Amino acid sequence: MNIAFFLTPKLEVIYESVEGNMKQALESMEKHGYSAIPLIDKAGRYVGTLTEGDMLWKLKNTPGLTFEKVEEIPIREIPRKTKHESVYINANIESLLTLAARQNFVPVVDDNGTFIGIIKRSDIINYINKTM
């Protein structure tokens, strides 16, 4: 099976630019109800995943930082505790499943590392449930 079967394309994915700020990321996550979002650079390459926990630790560990000042914090300056790995669009299903076991979603990139979408663990589980 080709992993593209499970792909949610970039146009349907909520993500942030690493050039954005902490307030933008918080508002995006709140609006869409997500606890983690993919990050891309100016060239459209996947560079990591930002989580609510990453931002909470940044707020806790930055003296004088208040919620009112989070707009001043660039996303690129927020340490990310966990490295969420991506897969290439031509990866095998075993590689996808290994990552999906550890991550709620798996970012998918093309041969140049350009972000093309995500595969949600819930979509994989729902597919398996329907085919059993």
N, C-alpha and C. Protein backbone atom coordinates (compact mmCIF):
# COMPACT_ATOMS: atom_id res chain seq x y z
N MET A 1 0.84 -1.18 0.00
CA MET A 1 0.00 0.00 0.00
C MET A 1 0.88 1.24 0.00
N ASN A 2 0.49 2.22 -0.78
CA ASN A 2 1.21 3.48 -0.87
C ASN A 2 0.74 4.40 0.26
N ILE A 3 1.68 5.03 0.97
CA ILE A 3 1.29 5.87 2.11
C ILE A 3 0.50 7.10 1.67
N ALA A 4 0.56 7.47 0.40
CA ALA A 4 -0.19 8.62 -0.10
C ALA A 4 -1.70 8.42 0.08
N PHE A 5 -2.13 7.17 0.22
CA PHE A 5 -3.53 6.86 0.46
C PHE A 5 -4.04 7.59 1.71
N PHE A 6 -3.17 7.75 2.71
CA PHE A 6 -3.56 8.35 3.98
C PHE A 6 -3.28 9.86 4.06
N LEU A 7 -2.68 10.43 3.05
CA LEU A 7 -2.20 11.81 3.10
C LEU A 7 -3.32 12.84 3.20
N THR A 8 -3.18 13.73 4.18
CA THR A 8 -3.99 14.95 4.23
C THR A 8 -3.10 16.02 3.62
N PRO A 9 -3.49 16.57 2.46
CA PRO A 9 -2.61 17.50 1.76
C PRO A 9 -2.40 18.82 2.51
N LYS A 10 -1.28 19.44 2.23
CA LYS A 10 -0.88 20.69 2.89
C LYS A 10 -2.00 21.72 2.90
N LEU A 11 -2.77 21.81 1.83
CA LEU A 11 -3.86 22.79 1.75
C LEU A 11 -4.91 22.59 2.84
N GLU A 12 -4.99 21.38 3.39
CA GLU A 12 -5.98 21.08 4.42
C GLU A 12 -5.36 21.00 5.82
N VAL A 13 -4.08 21.29 5.92
CA VAL A 13 -3.36 21.15 7.19
C VAL A 13 -3.12 22.52 7.83
N ILE A 14 -3.28 22.58 9.13
CA ILE A 14 -2.94 23.79 9.89
C ILE A 14 -1.46 23.67 10.26
N TYR A 15 -0.68 24.64 9.85
CA TYR A 15 0.75 24.66 10.14
C TYR A 15 1.16 26.11 10.34
N GLU A 16 2.36 26.32 10.83
CA GLU A 16 2.88 27.67 11.03
C GLU A 16 4.25 27.79 10.40
N SER A 17 4.57 29.00 10.04
CA SER A 17 5.92 29.31 9.57
C SER A 17 6.82 29.47 10.78
N VAL A 18 8.02 28.96 10.69
CA VAL A 18 8.99 29.12 11.77
C VAL A 18 9.33 30.60 11.96
N GLU A 19 8.98 31.43 10.98
CA GLU A 19 9.21 32.87 11.06
C GLU A 19 8.10 33.59 11.84
N GLY A 20 7.03 32.88 12.18
CA GLY A 20 5.92 33.48 12.91
C GLY A 20 6.27 33.69 14.38
N ASN A 21 5.26 34.04 15.16
CA ASN A 21 5.52 34.26 16.59
C ASN A 21 4.63 33.35 17.44
N MET A 22 4.96 33.32 18.71
CA MET A 22 4.30 32.43 19.65
C MET A 22 2.80 32.71 19.74
N LYS A 23 2.41 33.97 19.69
CA LYS A 23 0.99 34.31 19.77
C LYS A 23 0.22 33.72 18.59
N GLN A 24 0.78 33.83 17.39
CA GLN A 24 0.13 33.27 16.20
C GLN A 24 -0.08 31.76 16.35
N ALA A 25 0.96 31.09 16.84
CA ALA A 25 0.87 29.64 17.01
C ALA A 25 -0.18 29.27 18.05
N LEU A 26 -0.19 29.98 19.17
CA LEU A 26 -1.18 29.71 20.21
C LEU A 26 -2.60 29.91 19.69
N GLU A 27 -2.81 31.01 18.98
CA GLU A 27 -4.14 31.30 18.47
C GLU A 27 -4.58 30.27 17.43
N SER A 28 -3.66 29.85 16.60
CA SER A 28 -3.98 28.84 15.59
C SER A 28 -4.35 27.51 16.25
N MET A 29 -3.56 27.11 17.24
CA MET A 29 -3.84 25.85 17.94
C MET A 29 -5.18 25.92 18.67
N GLU A 30 -5.44 27.05 19.31
CA GLU A 30 -6.71 27.21 20.03
C GLU A 30 -7.89 27.15 19.07
N LYS A 31 -7.81 27.89 17.99
CA LYS A 31 -8.90 27.97 17.03
C LYS A 31 -9.26 26.60 16.45
N HIS A 32 -8.24 25.80 16.17
CA HIS A 32 -8.46 24.52 15.51
C HIS A 32 -8.47 23.33 16.46
N GLY A 33 -8.17 23.57 17.74
CA GLY A 33 -8.23 22.51 18.74
C GLY A 33 -7.08 21.52 18.67
N TYR A 34 -5.91 21.97 18.21
CA TYR A 34 -4.75 21.08 18.11
C TYR A 34 -3.79 21.32 19.25
N SER A 35 -3.06 20.28 19.61
CA SER A 35 -2.03 20.41 20.65
C SER A 35 -0.63 20.43 20.04
N ALA A 36 -0.55 20.23 18.72
CA ALA A 36 0.74 20.26 18.02
C ALA A 36 0.48 20.60 16.55
N ILE A 37 1.44 21.35 15.96
CA ILE A 37 1.32 21.72 14.55
C ILE A 37 2.68 21.63 13.88
N PRO A 38 2.69 21.29 12.59
CA PRO A 38 3.96 21.27 11.86
C PRO A 38 4.48 22.69 11.64
N LEU A 39 5.79 22.81 11.53
CA LEU A 39 6.46 24.08 11.24
C LEU A 39 7.18 23.96 9.92
N ILE A 40 7.08 25.01 9.11
CA ILE A 40 7.81 25.03 7.84
C ILE A 40 8.65 26.30 7.75
N ASP A 41 9.70 26.24 6.95
CA ASP A 41 10.54 27.42 6.75
C ASP A 41 10.07 28.21 5.53
N LYS A 42 10.80 29.28 5.21
CA LYS A 42 10.42 30.14 4.08
C LYS A 42 10.36 29.39 2.76
N ALA A 43 11.20 28.36 2.63
CA ALA A 43 11.24 27.58 1.39
C ALA A 43 10.16 26.49 1.35
N GLY A 44 9.37 26.37 2.43
CA GLY A 44 8.31 25.37 2.46
C GLY A 44 8.75 24.02 2.97
N ARG A 45 9.97 23.94 3.51
CA ARG A 45 10.47 22.66 4.03
C ARG A 45 9.99 22.44 5.47
N TYR A 46 9.70 21.21 5.79
CA TYR A 46 9.33 20.83 7.15
C TYR A 46 10.55 20.97 8.05
N VAL A 47 10.41 21.69 9.18
CA VAL A 47 11.54 21.90 10.09
C VAL A 47 11.28 21.38 11.50
N GLY A 48 10.07 20.93 11.78
CA GLY A 48 9.78 20.41 13.10
C GLY A 48 8.31 20.56 13.44
N THR A 49 8.00 20.19 14.66
CA THR A 49 6.63 20.29 15.16
C THR A 49 6.65 21.08 16.45
N LEU A 50 5.72 22.00 16.58
CA LEU A 50 5.60 22.81 17.79
C LEU A 50 4.42 22.30 18.59
N THR A 51 4.63 22.10 19.89
CA THR A 51 3.57 21.60 20.75
C THR A 51 3.17 22.64 21.80
N GLU A 52 2.00 22.44 22.38
CA GLU A 52 1.56 23.30 23.47
C GLU A 52 2.58 23.25 24.60
N GLY A 53 3.10 22.07 24.87
CA GLY A 53 4.09 21.90 25.93
C GLY A 53 5.35 22.72 25.68
N ASP A 54 5.79 22.77 24.42
CA ASP A 54 6.97 23.58 24.09
C ASP A 54 6.74 25.03 24.47
N MET A 55 5.55 25.53 24.16
CA MET A 55 5.25 26.93 24.45
C MET A 55 5.05 27.17 25.95
N LEU A 56 4.47 26.20 26.62
CA LEU A 56 4.29 26.32 28.07
C LEU A 56 5.64 26.38 28.77
N TRP A 57 6.57 25.51 28.36
CA TRP A 57 7.91 25.52 28.97
C TRP A 57 8.64 26.82 28.64
N LYS A 58 8.46 27.35 27.45
CA LYS A 58 9.08 28.62 27.09
C LYS A 58 8.54 29.73 28.00
N LEU A 59 7.24 29.75 28.22
CA LEU A 59 6.62 30.75 29.09
C LEU A 59 7.13 30.61 30.52
N LYS A 60 7.21 29.38 31.01
CA LYS A 60 7.67 29.12 32.37
C LYS A 60 9.14 29.48 32.57
N ASN A 61 9.96 29.18 31.58
CA ASN A 61 11.41 29.32 31.74
C ASN A 61 11.99 30.63 31.23
N THR A 62 11.14 31.58 30.84
CA THR A 62 11.62 32.88 30.38
C THR A 62 11.22 33.94 31.40
N PRO A 63 12.17 34.38 32.20
CA PRO A 63 11.86 35.39 33.22
C PRO A 63 11.21 36.63 32.60
N GLY A 64 10.14 37.08 33.22
CA GLY A 64 9.46 38.29 32.77
C GLY A 64 8.51 38.10 31.60
N LEU A 65 8.48 36.90 31.02
CA LEU A 65 7.58 36.67 29.90
C LEU A 65 6.18 36.44 30.42
N THR A 66 5.25 37.24 29.94
CA THR A 66 3.85 37.09 30.29
C THR A 66 3.08 36.77 29.02
N PHE A 67 1.84 36.35 29.21
CA PHE A 67 1.03 36.02 28.04
C PHE A 67 0.88 37.23 27.12
N GLU A 68 0.84 38.40 27.69
CA GLU A 68 0.70 39.62 26.89
C GLU A 68 1.91 39.87 26.00
N LYS A 69 3.05 39.27 26.32
CA LYS A 69 4.28 39.50 25.57
C LYS A 69 4.65 38.38 24.60
N VAL A 70 3.82 37.36 24.48
CA VAL A 70 4.19 36.21 23.65
C VAL A 70 4.31 36.57 22.17
N GLU A 71 3.70 37.67 21.77
CA GLU A 71 3.81 38.10 20.38
C GLU A 71 5.25 38.47 20.04
N GLU A 72 6.05 38.79 21.06
CA GLU A 72 7.45 39.17 20.87
C GLU A 72 8.39 37.97 20.71
N ILE A 73 7.88 36.77 20.92
CA ILE A 73 8.71 35.57 20.88
C ILE A 73 8.59 34.88 19.53
N PRO A 74 9.66 34.89 18.73
CA PRO A 74 9.63 34.17 17.45
C PRO A 74 9.55 32.67 17.68
N ILE A 75 8.80 31.99 16.85
CA ILE A 75 8.68 30.53 16.97
C ILE A 75 10.05 29.86 16.92
N ARG A 76 10.95 30.36 16.07
CA ARG A 76 12.27 29.73 15.94
C ARG A 76 13.06 29.75 17.24
N GLU A 77 12.68 30.62 18.20
CA GLU A 77 13.37 30.70 19.49
C GLU A 77 12.74 29.83 20.58
N ILE A 78 11.72 29.09 20.22
CA ILE A 78 11.07 28.20 21.19
C ILE A 78 11.72 26.82 21.10
N PRO A 79 12.39 26.39 22.18
CA PRO A 79 12.99 25.05 22.14
C PRO A 79 11.89 23.99 21.99
N ARG A 80 12.16 23.02 21.15
CA ARG A 80 11.20 21.92 20.97
C ARG A 80 11.76 20.68 21.64
N LYS A 81 10.98 20.16 22.57
CA LYS A 81 11.43 19.04 23.40
C LYS A 81 11.57 17.74 22.59
N THR A 82 10.65 17.52 21.69
CA THR A 82 10.62 16.27 20.94
C THR A 82 10.82 16.54 19.46
N LYS A 83 11.64 15.70 18.83
CA LYS A 83 11.82 15.81 17.38
C LYS A 83 10.82 14.88 16.71
N HIS A 84 9.83 15.46 16.08
CA HIS A 84 8.86 14.68 15.33
C HIS A 84 9.43 14.44 13.93
N GLU A 85 9.62 13.19 13.62
CA GLU A 85 10.23 12.84 12.34
C GLU A 85 9.20 12.85 11.21
N SER A 86 9.69 13.10 10.03
CA SER A 86 8.84 13.07 8.84
C SER A 86 9.18 11.84 8.01
N VAL A 87 8.33 11.58 7.03
CA VAL A 87 8.60 10.50 6.06
C VAL A 87 8.55 11.10 4.66
N TYR A 88 9.28 10.47 3.77
CA TYR A 88 9.18 10.84 2.37
C TYR A 88 7.92 10.21 1.79
N ILE A 89 7.34 10.84 0.82
CA ILE A 89 6.11 10.38 0.20
C ILE A 89 6.25 8.97 -0.37
N ASN A 90 7.46 8.56 -0.72
CA ASN A 90 7.67 7.22 -1.28
C ASN A 90 8.10 6.19 -0.22
N ALA A 91 7.95 6.55 1.06
CA ALA A 91 8.33 5.63 2.15
C ALA A 91 7.40 4.41 2.16
N ASN A 92 7.87 3.35 2.77
CA ASN A 92 7.04 2.16 2.87
C ASN A 92 6.11 2.27 4.09
N ILE A 93 5.09 1.46 4.09
CA ILE A 93 4.08 1.52 5.15
C ILE A 93 4.66 1.20 6.52
N GLU A 94 5.68 0.34 6.56
CA GLU A 94 6.30 0.00 7.84
C GLU A 94 6.96 1.21 8.49
N SER A 95 7.62 2.04 7.69
CA SER A 95 8.25 3.26 8.21
C SER A 95 7.19 4.21 8.76
N LEU A 96 6.09 4.33 8.05
CA LEU A 96 5.00 5.18 8.50
C LEU A 96 4.43 4.68 9.82
N LEU A 97 4.17 3.40 9.92
CA LEU A 97 3.57 2.85 11.14
C LEU A 97 4.49 2.99 12.34
N THR A 98 5.78 2.85 12.13
CA THR A 98 6.74 3.02 13.23
C THR A 98 6.64 4.43 13.80
N LEU A 99 6.57 5.43 12.94
CA LEU A 99 6.45 6.82 13.40
C LEU A 99 5.07 7.11 13.97
N ALA A 100 4.04 6.60 13.34
CA ALA A 100 2.67 6.85 13.79
C ALA A 100 2.42 6.27 15.18
N ALA A 101 3.16 5.25 15.55
CA ALA A 101 3.02 4.68 16.89
C ALA A 101 3.48 5.67 17.96
N ARG A 102 4.38 6.58 17.59
CA ARG A 102 4.96 7.54 18.55
C ARG A 102 4.42 8.95 18.39
N GLN A 103 3.79 9.26 17.27
CA GLN A 103 3.38 10.62 16.95
C GLN A 103 1.90 10.63 16.55
N ASN A 104 1.17 11.68 16.95
CA ASN A 104 -0.24 11.80 16.56
C ASN A 104 -0.40 11.98 15.06
N PHE A 105 0.59 12.62 14.45
CA PHE A 105 0.60 12.77 13.00
C PHE A 105 2.04 12.66 12.52
N VAL A 106 2.17 12.27 11.27
CA VAL A 106 3.49 12.13 10.67
C VAL A 106 3.57 13.11 9.50
N PRO A 107 4.47 14.10 9.57
CA PRO A 107 4.65 15.01 8.44
C PRO A 107 5.21 14.25 7.24
N VAL A 108 4.75 14.64 6.05
CA VAL A 108 5.20 13.99 4.81
C VAL A 108 5.88 15.04 3.94
N VAL A 109 7.03 14.67 3.41
CA VAL A 109 7.80 15.59 2.56
C VAL A 109 8.11 14.91 1.23
N ASP A 110 8.42 15.76 0.23
CA ASP A 110 8.83 15.22 -1.06
C ASP A 110 10.35 15.01 -1.05
N ASP A 111 10.91 14.67 -2.19
CA ASP A 111 12.34 14.36 -2.28
C ASP A 111 13.23 15.54 -1.91
N ASN A 112 12.70 16.76 -1.97
CA ASN A 112 13.48 17.96 -1.62
C ASN A 112 13.27 18.40 -0.19
N GLY A 113 12.49 17.64 0.59
CA GLY A 113 12.19 18.01 1.96
C GLY A 113 11.05 19.01 2.08
N THR A 114 10.38 19.30 0.96
CA THR A 114 9.25 20.23 0.98
C THR A 114 8.04 19.56 1.62
N PHE A 115 7.44 20.26 2.55
CA PHE A 115 6.27 19.77 3.27
C PHE A 115 5.08 19.64 2.32
N ILE A 116 4.49 18.45 2.24
CA ILE A 116 3.36 18.25 1.34
C ILE A 116 2.09 17.83 2.08
N GLY A 117 2.19 17.57 3.38
CA GLY A 117 1.00 17.22 4.15
C GLY A 117 1.34 16.38 5.35
N ILE A 118 0.30 15.80 5.94
CA ILE A 118 0.49 14.94 7.10
C ILE A 118 -0.34 13.66 6.94
N ILE A 119 0.05 12.67 7.72
CA ILE A 119 -0.75 11.47 7.86
C ILE A 119 -1.10 11.36 9.34
N LYS A 120 -2.40 11.37 9.62
CA LYS A 120 -2.87 11.32 11.00
C LYS A 120 -2.97 9.87 11.47
N ARG A 121 -2.50 9.65 12.68
CA ARG A 121 -2.59 8.32 13.27
C ARG A 121 -4.05 7.85 13.30
N SER A 122 -4.97 8.77 13.58
CA SER A 122 -6.39 8.39 13.64
C SER A 122 -6.89 7.87 12.29
N ASP A 123 -6.40 8.42 11.18
CA ASP A 123 -6.82 7.93 9.86
C ASP A 123 -6.33 6.51 9.63
N ILE A 124 -5.13 6.21 10.09
CA ILE A 124 -4.58 4.84 9.94
C ILE A 124 -5.42 3.87 10.77
N ILE A 125 -5.69 4.25 12.02
CA ILE A 125 -6.47 3.37 12.91
C ILE A 125 -7.88 3.17 12.36
N ASN A 126 -8.51 4.23 11.88
CA ASN A 126 -9.86 4.10 11.32
C ASN A 126 -9.88 3.19 10.11
N TYR A 127 -8.84 3.29 9.25
CA TYR A 127 -8.74 2.42 8.08
C TYR A 127 -8.63 0.95 8.51
N ILE A 128 -7.76 0.70 9.47
CA ILE A 128 -7.57 -0.67 9.95
C ILE A 128 -8.86 -1.20 10.56
N ASN A 129 -9.53 -0.37 11.33
CA ASN A 129 -10.79 -0.76 11.96
C ASN A 129 -11.84 -1.13 10.93
N LYS A 130 -11.93 -0.36 9.85
CA LYS A 130 -12.92 -0.62 8.81
C LYS A 130 -12.61 -1.88 8.00
N THR A 131 -11.32 -2.20 7.87
CA THR A 131 -10.95 -3.34 7.03
C THR A 131 -10.86 -4.65 7.80
N MET A 132 -10.99 -4.59 9.09
CA MET A 132 -10.92 -5.82 9.89
C MET A 132 -12.23 -6.56 9.91
